[in-house]
Amino acid sequence: MVSSTTVACSGVIAKGARRLTTLEDWRRRAAPKGTGHWKDGRSAKENARLWLGAAPDLPSGIAKVLAACAGVGNLRSWSAEPEARVRFDAFGGEPANLDVLVQASDEYGPIVVGVEAKADETFGHTVEKTLLQVRKRLMQNPGSKGVERIRQLAAVFGLDLEQRETLDLRYQLLTLTAATLAEARRQFADRAVIIVQEFVTPLTNAENRARNARDLEEFLRTVLGHATGIGPDTIAGPFACDGLCRLHVAKAQTVL
């Protein structure tokens, strides 16, 4: 087990071949799908501000949880892509959309980090609601593969779609995990880290943040067998995934 002594190193934030250095760069080239999401105090814009404000260093909260990760050594390089579209299966349609995808390396090799930014927005629909939506879509379009995608995703994580604890999971957390692990395989990385970056702002609601904490806890318990949740600036793992990758899950918090 390697030492948890991640050191600072310079990195770049880029979309395609274009380096991002200003909020306007980020908004134009890596804005969220919904234009209404780009607001002060909400996760999309605050996440951009956080990364750009720290560059060429990692944001302090991200650096802190990586430093606490027993599987990560001294970082030598990193690059970050906002709004990264990452495929995790062979089906068509929309891939997973990671708020930030980080490719890093230390003395032991490559590391892939998937970041999901939240103020107090939900982790998307539950598996149950997502299933209802794709089943309706299948009735309208017999070629739709949405149901097969969810079944395959459940099988990857050993989940039973007949069980209430599976149906209550937030689908976005499953796709975030699957996409981060898929990218790790593509990069021949045996370590992957998922980080939920939480923003506490004047616009966020404590009850909504508590709901997100419960949803993350249920994900950790049901999918990864971790008995408890994780608090701000803490990390859990490693969890063995397919015998190929060691996965850590962390939460970083920024109070504005």
C-alpha atoms as a PDB file:
ATOM      1  CA  MET A   1       0.000   0.000   0.000  1.00  0.00           C
ATOM      2  CA  VAL A   2       1.444   3.317  -1.026  1.00  0.00           C
ATOM      3  CA  SER A   3       1.802   6.326   1.182  1.00  0.00           C
ATOM      4  CA  SER A   4      -0.933   8.989   1.253  1.00  0.00           C
ATOM      5  CA  THR A   5       1.440  11.858   0.484  1.00  0.00           C
ATOM      6  CA  THR A   6       0.133  13.322  -2.740  1.00  0.00           C
ATOM      7  CA  VAL A   7       2.107  16.446  -3.586  1.00  0.00           C
ATOM      8  CA  ALA A   8       1.136  19.439  -5.658  1.00  0.00           C
ATOM      9  CA  CYS A   9       1.958  19.478  -9.353  1.00  0.00           C
ATOM     10  CA  SER A  10       0.880  21.670 -12.210  1.00  0.00           C
ATOM     11  CA  GLY A  11      -1.874  20.555 -14.541  1.00  0.00           C
ATOM     12  CA  VAL A  12      -4.090  21.801 -17.340  1.00  0.00           C
ATOM     13  CA  ILE A  13      -7.836  22.176 -17.878  1.00  0.00           C
ATOM     14  CA  ALA A  14      -8.810  21.660 -21.499  1.00  0.00           C
ATOM     15  CA  LYS A  15     -11.710  20.769 -23.769  1.00  0.00           C
ATOM     16  CA  GLY A  16     -10.498  19.138 -26.935  1.00  0.00           C
ATOM     17  CA  ALA A  17      -7.374  20.972 -27.986  1.00  0.00           C
ATOM     18  CA  ARG A  18      -8.446  24.226 -26.294  1.00  0.00           C
ATOM     19  CA  ARG A  19      -7.057  25.116 -22.892  1.00  0.00           C
ATOM     20  CA  LEU A  20      -9.646  26.710 -20.584  1.00  0.00           C
ATOM     21  CA  THR A  21      -8.481  29.638 -18.483  1.00  0.00           C
ATOM     22  CA  THR A  22     -11.591  31.802 -17.937  1.00  0.00           C
ATOM     23  CA  LEU A  23     -15.225  31.314 -16.979  1.00  0.00           C
ATOM     24  CA  GLU A  24     -16.234  32.449 -20.449  1.00  0.00           C
ATOM     25  CA  ASP A  25     -13.980  29.779 -22.004  1.00  0.00           C
ATOM     26  CA  TRP A  26     -15.586  27.146 -19.804  1.00  0.00           C
ATOM     27  CA  ARG A  27     -19.140  28.374 -20.486  1.00  0.00           C
ATOM     28  CA  ARG A  28     -18.641  28.442 -24.241  1.00  0.00           C
ATOM     29  CA  ARG A  29     -16.866  25.107 -24.588  1.00  0.00           C
ATOM     30  CA  ALA A  30     -18.015  23.040 -21.607  1.00  0.00           C
ATOM     31  CA  ALA A  31     -21.332  24.456 -20.416  1.00  0.00           C
ATOM     32  CA  PRO A  32     -23.937  22.113 -18.887  1.00  0.00           C
ATOM     33  CA  LYS A  33     -26.826  21.011 -21.080  1.00  0.00           C
ATOM     34  CA  GLY A  34     -29.374  23.224 -19.375  1.00  0.00           C
ATOM     35  CA  THR A  35     -28.566  26.912 -19.771  1.00  0.00           C
ATOM     36  CA  GLY A  36     -30.462  27.593 -16.558  1.00  0.00           C
ATOM     37  CA  HIS A  37     -27.814  25.622 -14.632  1.00  0.00           C
ATOM     38  CA  TRP A  38     -25.114  28.228 -15.263  1.00  0.00           C
ATOM     39  CA  LYS A  39     -25.772  30.439 -12.226  1.00  0.00           C
ATOM     40  CA  ASP A  40     -23.839  31.857  -9.304  1.00  0.00           C
ATOM     41  CA  GLY A  41     -24.303  29.620  -6.288  1.00  0.00           C
ATOM     42  CA  ARG A  42     -25.199  26.534  -8.324  1.00  0.00           C
ATOM     43  CA  SER A  43     -22.903  23.612  -9.005  1.00  0.00           C
ATOM     44  CA  ALA A  44     -22.032  24.056 -12.699  1.00  0.00           C
ATOM     45  CA  LYS A  45     -20.724  27.603 -12.482  1.00  0.00           C
ATOM     46  CA  GLU A  46     -19.199  27.228  -9.020  1.00  0.00           C
ATOM     47  CA  ASN A  47     -17.403  24.078 -10.127  1.00  0.00           C
ATOM     48  CA  ALA A  48     -15.888  25.957 -13.072  1.00  0.00           C
ATOM     49  CA  ARG A  49     -14.891  28.809 -10.777  1.00  0.00           C
ATOM     50  CA  LEU A  50     -13.320  26.359  -8.309  1.00  0.00           C
ATOM     51  CA  TRP A  51     -11.140  24.611 -10.892  1.00  0.00           C
ATOM     52  CA  LEU A  52     -10.132  27.742 -12.771  1.00  0.00           C
ATOM     53  CA  GLY A  53      -9.348  29.585  -9.555  1.00  0.00           C
ATOM     54  CA  ALA A  54      -6.993  26.840  -8.410  1.00  0.00           C
ATOM     55  CA  ALA A  55      -5.251  26.188 -11.744  1.00  0.00           C
ATOM     56  CA  PRO A  56      -2.547  25.210 -12.427  1.00  0.00           C
ATOM     57  CA  ASP A  57      -2.972  23.437  -9.083  1.00  0.00           C
ATOM     58  CA  LEU A  58      -5.753  21.046  -8.209  1.00  0.00           C
ATOM     59  CA  PRO A  59      -8.621  22.524  -6.168  1.00  0.00           C
ATOM     60  CA  SER A  60      -7.700  22.186  -2.506  1.00  0.00           C
ATOM     61  CA  GLY A  61     -10.591  19.863  -1.624  1.00  0.00           C
ATOM     62  CA  ILE A  62      -9.800  17.527  -4.516  1.00  0.00           C
ATOM     63  CA  ALA A  63      -6.113  17.532  -3.582  1.00  0.00           C
ATOM     64  CA  LYS A  64      -7.009  16.855   0.065  1.00  0.00           C
ATOM     65  CA  VAL A  65      -9.040  13.708  -0.571  1.00  0.00           C
ATOM     66  CA  LEU A  66      -6.477  12.399  -3.041  1.00  0.00           C
ATOM     67  CA  ALA A  67      -3.778  12.967  -0.424  1.00  0.00           C
ATOM     68  CA  ALA A  68      -5.833  10.859   1.987  1.00  0.00           C
ATOM     69  CA  CYS A  69      -6.110   8.023  -0.548  1.00  0.00           C
ATOM     70  CA  ALA A  70      -3.813   5.179   0.373  1.00  0.00           C
ATOM     71  CA  GLY A  71      -3.684   4.076  -3.255  1.00  0.00           C
ATOM     72  CA  VAL A  72      -2.358   7.350  -4.657  1.00  0.00           C
ATOM     73  CA  GLY A  73       1.272   8.449  -4.467  1.00  0.00           C
ATOM     74  CA  ASN A  74       3.008  11.656  -5.487  1.00  0.00           C
ATOM     75  CA  LEU A  75       1.228  13.112  -8.490  1.00  0.00           C
ATOM     76  CA  ARG A  76       3.506  13.881 -11.408  1.00  0.00           C
ATOM     77  CA  SER A  77       0.925  15.259 -13.823  1.00  0.00           C
ATOM     78  CA  TRP A  78      -2.788  15.782 -14.299  1.00  0.00           C
ATOM     79  CA  SER A  79      -5.222  17.060 -16.904  1.00  0.00           C
ATOM     80  CA  ALA A  80      -8.910  17.823 -16.465  1.00  0.00           C
ATOM     81  CA  GLU A  81     -11.716  17.772 -19.035  1.00  0.00           C
ATOM     82  CA  PRO A  82     -15.013  19.425 -18.036  1.00  0.00           C
ATOM     83  CA  GLU A  83     -18.311  17.934 -19.208  1.00  0.00           C
ATOM     84  CA  ALA A  84     -16.582  14.779 -20.413  1.00  0.00           C
ATOM     85  CA  ARG A  85     -18.769  12.369 -22.372  1.00  0.00           C
ATOM     86  CA  VAL A  86     -17.652   8.871 -21.393  1.00  0.00           C
ATOM     87  CA  ARG A  87     -19.067   5.647 -22.793  1.00  0.00           C
ATOM     88  CA  PHE A  88     -19.311   2.710 -20.421  1.00  0.00           C
ATOM     89  CA  ASP A  89     -21.058   0.135 -22.648  1.00  0.00           C
ATOM     90  CA  ALA A  90     -21.548  -0.748 -26.302  1.00  0.00           C
ATOM     91  CA  PHE A  91     -25.070   0.646 -26.590  1.00  0.00           C
ATOM     92  CA  GLY A  92     -25.798   3.767 -28.600  1.00  0.00           C
ATOM     93  CA  GLY A  93     -27.488   6.837 -27.235  1.00  0.00           C
ATOM     94  CA  GLU A  94     -26.162   9.274 -24.677  1.00  0.00           C
ATOM     95  CA  PRO A  95     -22.961   8.350 -22.828  1.00  0.00           C
ATOM     96  CA  ALA A  96     -22.383   9.313 -19.210  1.00  0.00           C
ATOM     97  CA  ASN A  97     -21.556  12.969 -18.708  1.00  0.00           C
ATOM     98  CA  LEU A  98     -18.895  13.590 -16.046  1.00  0.00           C
ATOM     99  CA  ASP A  99     -18.658  17.115 -14.668  1.00  0.00           C
ATOM    100  CA  VAL A 100     -14.871  16.744 -14.668  1.00  0.00           C
ATOM    101  CA  LEU A 101     -12.759  13.837 -15.859  1.00  0.00           C
ATOM    102  CA  VAL A 102      -9.208  13.877 -14.521  1.00  0.00           C
ATOM    103  CA  GLN A 103      -6.371  11.824 -15.937  1.00  0.00           C
ATOM    104  CA  ALA A 104      -3.402  11.826 -13.583  1.00  0.00           C
ATOM    105  CA  SER A 105      -0.237   9.876 -12.984  1.00  0.00           C
ATOM    106  CA  ASP A 106       2.035   9.183 -10.068  1.00  0.00           C
ATOM    107  CA  GLU A 107       5.139   7.054  -9.632  1.00  0.00           C
ATOM    108  CA  TYR A 108       2.977   3.915  -9.830  1.00  0.00           C
ATOM    109  CA  GLY A 109       1.221   4.737 -13.112  1.00  0.00           C
ATOM    110  CA  PRO A 110      -2.044   6.264 -14.342  1.00  0.00           C
ATOM    111  CA  ILE A 111      -5.055   7.219 -12.204  1.00  0.00           C
ATOM    112  CA  VAL A 112      -8.524   8.198 -13.419  1.00  0.00           C
ATOM    113  CA  VAL A 113     -10.758  10.501 -11.365  1.00  0.00           C
ATOM    114  CA  GLY A 114     -14.432  11.173 -12.078  1.00  0.00           C
ATOM    115  CA  VAL A 115     -15.894  14.264 -10.398  1.00  0.00           C
ATOM    116  CA  GLU A 116     -19.602  14.923  -9.896  1.00  0.00           C
ATOM    117  CA  ALA A 117     -20.362  18.464  -8.711  1.00  0.00           C
ATOM    118  CA  LYS A 118     -23.472  19.153  -6.618  1.00  0.00           C
ATOM    119  CA  ALA A 119     -24.890  22.123  -4.787  1.00  0.00           C
ATOM    120  CA  ASP A 120     -28.122  20.567  -3.568  1.00  0.00           C
ATOM    121  CA  GLU A 121     -29.315  19.123  -6.888  1.00  0.00           C
ATOM    122  CA  THR A 122     -30.262  15.438  -6.826  1.00  0.00           C
ATOM    123  CA  PHE A 123     -28.190  12.611  -8.251  1.00  0.00           C
ATOM    124  CA  GLY A 124     -30.802  12.315 -10.991  1.00  0.00           C
ATOM    125  CA  HIS A 125     -33.726   9.905 -11.026  1.00  0.00           C
ATOM    126  CA  THR A 126     -33.880   6.645  -9.119  1.00  0.00           C
ATOM    127  CA  VAL A 127     -33.278   3.380 -10.944  1.00  0.00           C
ATOM    128  CA  GLU A 128     -37.006   2.688 -10.634  1.00  0.00           C
ATOM    129  CA  LYS A 129     -38.046   5.938 -12.317  1.00  0.00           C
ATOM    130  CA  THR A 130     -35.381   5.556 -14.984  1.00  0.00           C
ATOM    131  CA  LEU A 131     -36.681   2.054 -15.745  1.00  0.00           C
ATOM    132  CA  LEU A 132     -40.222   3.386 -16.105  1.00  0.00           C
ATOM    133  CA  GLN A 133     -38.999   6.017 -18.552  1.00  0.00           C
ATOM    134  CA  VAL A 134     -37.023   3.623 -20.746  1.00  0.00           C
ATOM    135  CA  ARG A 135     -39.863   1.080 -20.774  1.00  0.00           C
ATOM    136  CA  LYS A 136     -42.209   3.773 -22.082  1.00  0.00           C
ATOM    137  CA  ARG A 137     -39.612   4.661 -24.680  1.00  0.00           C
ATOM    138  CA  LEU A 138     -39.354   0.994 -25.688  1.00  0.00           C
ATOM    139  CA  MET A 139     -43.116   0.882 -26.332  1.00  0.00           C
ATOM    140  CA  GLN A 140     -42.769   3.855 -28.684  1.00  0.00           C
ATOM    141  CA  ASN A 141     -39.522   2.665 -30.260  1.00  0.00           C
ATOM    142  CA  PRO A 142     -38.927  -1.120 -30.358  1.00  0.00           C
ATOM    143  CA  GLY A 143     -35.277  -0.467 -31.223  1.00  0.00           C
ATOM    144  CA  SER A 144     -34.573   1.332 -27.966  1.00  0.00           C
ATOM    145  CA  LYS A 145     -31.842  -0.290 -25.870  1.00  0.00           C
ATOM    146  CA  GLY A 146     -32.493   1.605 -22.638  1.00  0.00           C
ATOM    147  CA  VAL A 147     -33.899  -1.371 -20.744  1.00  0.00           C
ATOM    148  CA  GLU A 148     -31.018  -3.585 -21.850  1.00  0.00           C
ATOM    149  CA  ARG A 149     -28.542  -0.924 -20.774  1.00  0.00           C
ATOM    150  CA  ILE A 150     -29.973  -0.802 -17.250  1.00  0.00           C
ATOM    151  CA  ARG A 151     -30.103  -4.589 -17.003  1.00  0.00           C
ATOM    152  CA  GLN A 152     -26.497  -4.866 -18.100  1.00  0.00           C
ATOM    153  CA  LEU A 153     -25.423  -2.098 -15.719  1.00  0.00           C
ATOM    154  CA  ALA A 154     -27.183  -3.839 -12.837  1.00  0.00           C
ATOM    155  CA  ALA A 155     -25.486  -7.118 -13.716  1.00  0.00           C
ATOM    156  CA  VAL A 156     -22.051  -5.458 -13.753  1.00  0.00           C
ATOM    157  CA  PHE A 157     -22.557  -4.383 -10.144  1.00  0.00           C
ATOM    158  CA  GLY A 158     -24.317  -7.584  -9.093  1.00  0.00           C
ATOM    159  CA  LEU A 159     -27.620  -5.805  -8.460  1.00  0.00           C
ATOM    160  CA  ASP A 160     -31.092  -7.356  -8.588  1.00  0.00           C
ATOM    161  CA  LEU A 161     -33.629  -5.123 -10.322  1.00  0.00           C
ATOM    162  CA  GLU A 162     -36.398  -6.882  -8.421  1.00  0.00           C
ATOM    163  CA  GLN A 163     -35.035  -5.651  -5.093  1.00  0.00           C
ATOM    164  CA  ARG A 164     -36.314  -2.416  -3.547  1.00  0.00           C
ATOM    165  CA  GLU A 165     -32.828  -1.352  -2.427  1.00  0.00           C
ATOM    166  CA  THR A 166     -31.679  -1.482  -6.057  1.00  0.00           C
ATOM    167  CA  LEU A 167     -34.693   0.402  -7.400  1.00  0.00           C
ATOM    168  CA  ASP A 168     -34.158   3.176  -4.860  1.00  0.00           C
ATOM    169  CA  LEU A 169     -30.568   3.817  -5.949  1.00  0.00           C
ATOM    170  CA  ARG A 170     -29.789   6.991  -7.880  1.00  0.00           C
ATOM    171  CA  TYR A 171     -29.061   6.008 -11.467  1.00  0.00           C
ATOM    172  CA  GLN A 172     -26.532   8.821 -11.943  1.00  0.00           C
ATOM    173  CA  LEU A 173     -24.260   7.335  -9.284  1.00  0.00           C
ATOM    174  CA  LEU A 174     -24.238   4.025 -11.157  1.00  0.00           C
ATOM    175  CA  THR A 175     -23.377   5.625 -14.499  1.00  0.00           C
ATOM    176  CA  LEU A 176     -20.748   7.855 -12.881  1.00  0.00           C
ATOM    177  CA  THR A 177     -19.071   4.782 -11.414  1.00  0.00           C
ATOM    178  CA  ALA A 178     -19.372   2.711 -14.582  1.00  0.00           C
ATOM    179  CA  ALA A 179     -17.976   5.530 -16.721  1.00  0.00           C
ATOM    180  CA  THR A 180     -15.028   6.210 -14.404  1.00  0.00           C
ATOM    181  CA  LEU A 181     -14.131   2.518 -14.322  1.00  0.00           C
ATOM    182  CA  ALA A 182     -14.532   2.231 -18.108  1.00  0.00           C
ATOM    183  CA  GLU A 183     -12.179   5.165 -18.634  1.00  0.00           C
ATOM    184  CA  ALA A 184      -9.702   3.613 -16.192  1.00  0.00           C
ATOM    185  CA  ARG A 185      -9.686   0.453 -18.306  1.00  0.00           C
ATOM    186  CA  ARG A 186      -9.142   2.490 -21.474  1.00  0.00           C
ATOM    187  CA  GLN A 187      -6.197   4.263 -19.828  1.00  0.00           C
ATOM    188  CA  PHE A 188      -4.789   0.986 -18.436  1.00  0.00           C
ATOM    189  CA  ALA A 189      -5.173   2.463 -14.937  1.00  0.00           C
ATOM    190  CA  ASP A 190      -5.575   0.079 -12.027  1.00  0.00           C
ATOM    191  CA  ARG A 191      -6.827   2.887  -9.760  1.00  0.00           C
ATOM    192  CA  ALA A 192      -9.971   4.968 -10.079  1.00  0.00           C
ATOM    193  CA  VAL A 193     -11.411   7.605  -7.780  1.00  0.00           C
ATOM    194  CA  ILE A 194     -14.934   9.030  -7.721  1.00  0.00           C
ATOM    195  CA  ILE A 195     -15.285  12.398  -6.015  1.00  0.00           C
ATOM    196  CA  VAL A 196     -18.566  14.089  -5.185  1.00  0.00           C
ATOM    197  CA  GLN A 197     -17.761  17.808  -5.005  1.00  0.00           C
ATOM    198  CA  GLU A 198     -20.395  19.462  -2.814  1.00  0.00           C
ATOM    199  CA  PHE A 199     -20.948  23.218  -2.743  1.00  0.00           C
ATOM    200  CA  VAL A 200     -22.622  24.862   0.228  1.00  0.00           C
ATOM    201  CA  THR A 201     -23.914  28.242  -0.926  1.00  0.00           C
ATOM    202  CA  PRO A 202     -26.602  30.739   0.087  1.00  0.00           C
ATOM    203  CA  LEU A 203     -28.827  29.046  -2.502  1.00  0.00           C
ATOM    204  CA  THR A 204     -28.507  25.508  -1.151  1.00  0.00           C
ATOM    205  CA  ASN A 205     -30.905  23.772   1.204  1.00  0.00           C
ATOM    206  CA  ALA A 206     -29.685  21.718   4.158  1.00  0.00           C
ATOM    207  CA  GLU A 207     -32.462  19.144   3.729  1.00  0.00           C
ATOM    208  CA  ASN A 208     -31.532  18.605   0.090  1.00  0.00           C
ATOM    209  CA  ARG A 209     -27.869  18.172   0.986  1.00  0.00           C
ATOM    210  CA  ALA A 210     -28.882  15.651   3.663  1.00  0.00           C
ATOM    211  CA  ARG A 211     -30.918  13.758   1.052  1.00  0.00           C
ATOM    212  CA  ASN A 212     -27.854  13.597  -1.197  1.00  0.00           C
ATOM    213  CA  ALA A 213     -25.748  12.334   1.695  1.00  0.00           C
ATOM    214  CA  ARG A 214     -28.285   9.551   2.313  1.00  0.00           C
ATOM    215  CA  ASP A 215     -28.366   8.645  -1.371  1.00  0.00           C
ATOM    216  CA  LEU A 216     -24.572   8.451  -1.481  1.00  0.00           C
ATOM    217  CA  GLU A 217     -24.575   6.325   1.679  1.00  0.00           C
ATOM    218  CA  GLU A 218     -27.111   3.907   0.157  1.00  0.00           C
ATOM    219  CA  PHE A 219     -25.024   3.655  -2.980  1.00  0.00           C
ATOM    220  CA  LEU A 220     -21.902   2.837  -0.964  1.00  0.00           C
ATOM    221  CA  ARG A 221     -23.746   0.246   1.104  1.00  0.00           C
ATOM    222  CA  THR A 222     -25.720  -1.469  -1.663  1.00  0.00           C
ATOM    223  CA  VAL A 223     -23.211  -1.377  -4.508  1.00  0.00           C
ATOM    224  CA  LEU A 224     -19.833  -1.417  -2.769  1.00  0.00           C
ATOM    225  CA  GLY A 225     -20.635  -2.996   0.603  1.00  0.00           C
ATOM    226  CA  HIS A 226     -19.422   0.007   2.599  1.00  0.00           C
ATOM    227  CA  ALA A 227     -21.457   0.051   5.796  1.00  0.00           C
ATOM    228  CA  THR A 228     -21.418   3.799   6.469  1.00  0.00           C
ATOM    229  CA  GLY A 229     -21.582   7.035   4.537  1.00  0.00           C
ATOM    230  CA  ILE A 230     -18.731   9.454   4.016  1.00  0.00           C
ATOM    231  CA  GLY A 231     -18.543  12.949   5.386  1.00  0.00           C
ATOM    232  CA  PRO A 232     -17.002  16.041   3.824  1.00  0.00           C
ATOM    233  CA  ASP A 233     -13.352  15.732   2.796  1.00  0.00           C
ATOM    234  CA  THR A 234     -13.224  12.000   3.457  1.00  0.00           C
ATOM    235  CA  ILE A 235     -12.585   8.972   1.253  1.00  0.00           C
ATOM    236  CA  ALA A 236     -13.655   5.317   1.351  1.00  0.00           C
ATOM    237  CA  GLY A 237     -12.083   2.270  -0.232  1.00  0.00           C
ATOM    238  CA  PRO A 238     -10.345   0.701  -1.939  1.00  0.00           C
ATOM    239  CA  PHE A 239     -13.076  -1.460  -3.422  1.00  0.00           C
ATOM    240  CA  ALA A 240     -12.110  -4.246  -5.821  1.00  0.00           C
ATOM    241  CA  CYS A 241     -13.851  -3.956  -9.192  1.00  0.00           C
ATOM    242  CA  ASP A 242     -13.671  -6.905 -11.606  1.00  0.00           C
ATOM    243  CA  GLY A 243     -10.276  -7.726 -10.161  1.00  0.00           C
ATOM    244  CA  LEU A 244      -8.801  -5.104 -12.485  1.00  0.00           C
ATOM    245  CA  CYS A 245      -9.171  -1.806 -10.682  1.00  0.00           C
ATOM    246  CA  ARG A 246      -9.135  -0.434  -7.153  1.00  0.00           C
ATOM    247  CA  LEU A 247     -11.903   2.110  -6.674  1.00  0.00           C
ATOM    248  CA  HIS A 248     -12.096   4.851  -4.047  1.00  0.00           C
ATOM    249  CA  VAL A 249     -15.118   7.071  -3.410  1.00  0.00           C
ATOM    250  CA  ALA A 250     -14.676  10.484  -1.813  1.00  0.00           C
ATOM    251  CA  LYS A 251     -16.570  13.620  -0.954  1.00  0.00           C
ATOM    252  CA  ALA A 252     -15.080  17.109  -1.049  1.00  0.00           C
ATOM    253  CA  GLN A 253     -16.948  20.133   0.274  1.00  0.00           C
ATOM    254  CA  THR A 254     -16.548  23.820  -0.560  1.00  0.00           C
ATOM    255  CA  VAL A 255     -18.413  26.388   1.534  1.00  0.00           C
ATOM    256  CA  LEU A 256     -19.064  29.704  -0.188  1.00  0.00           C
END
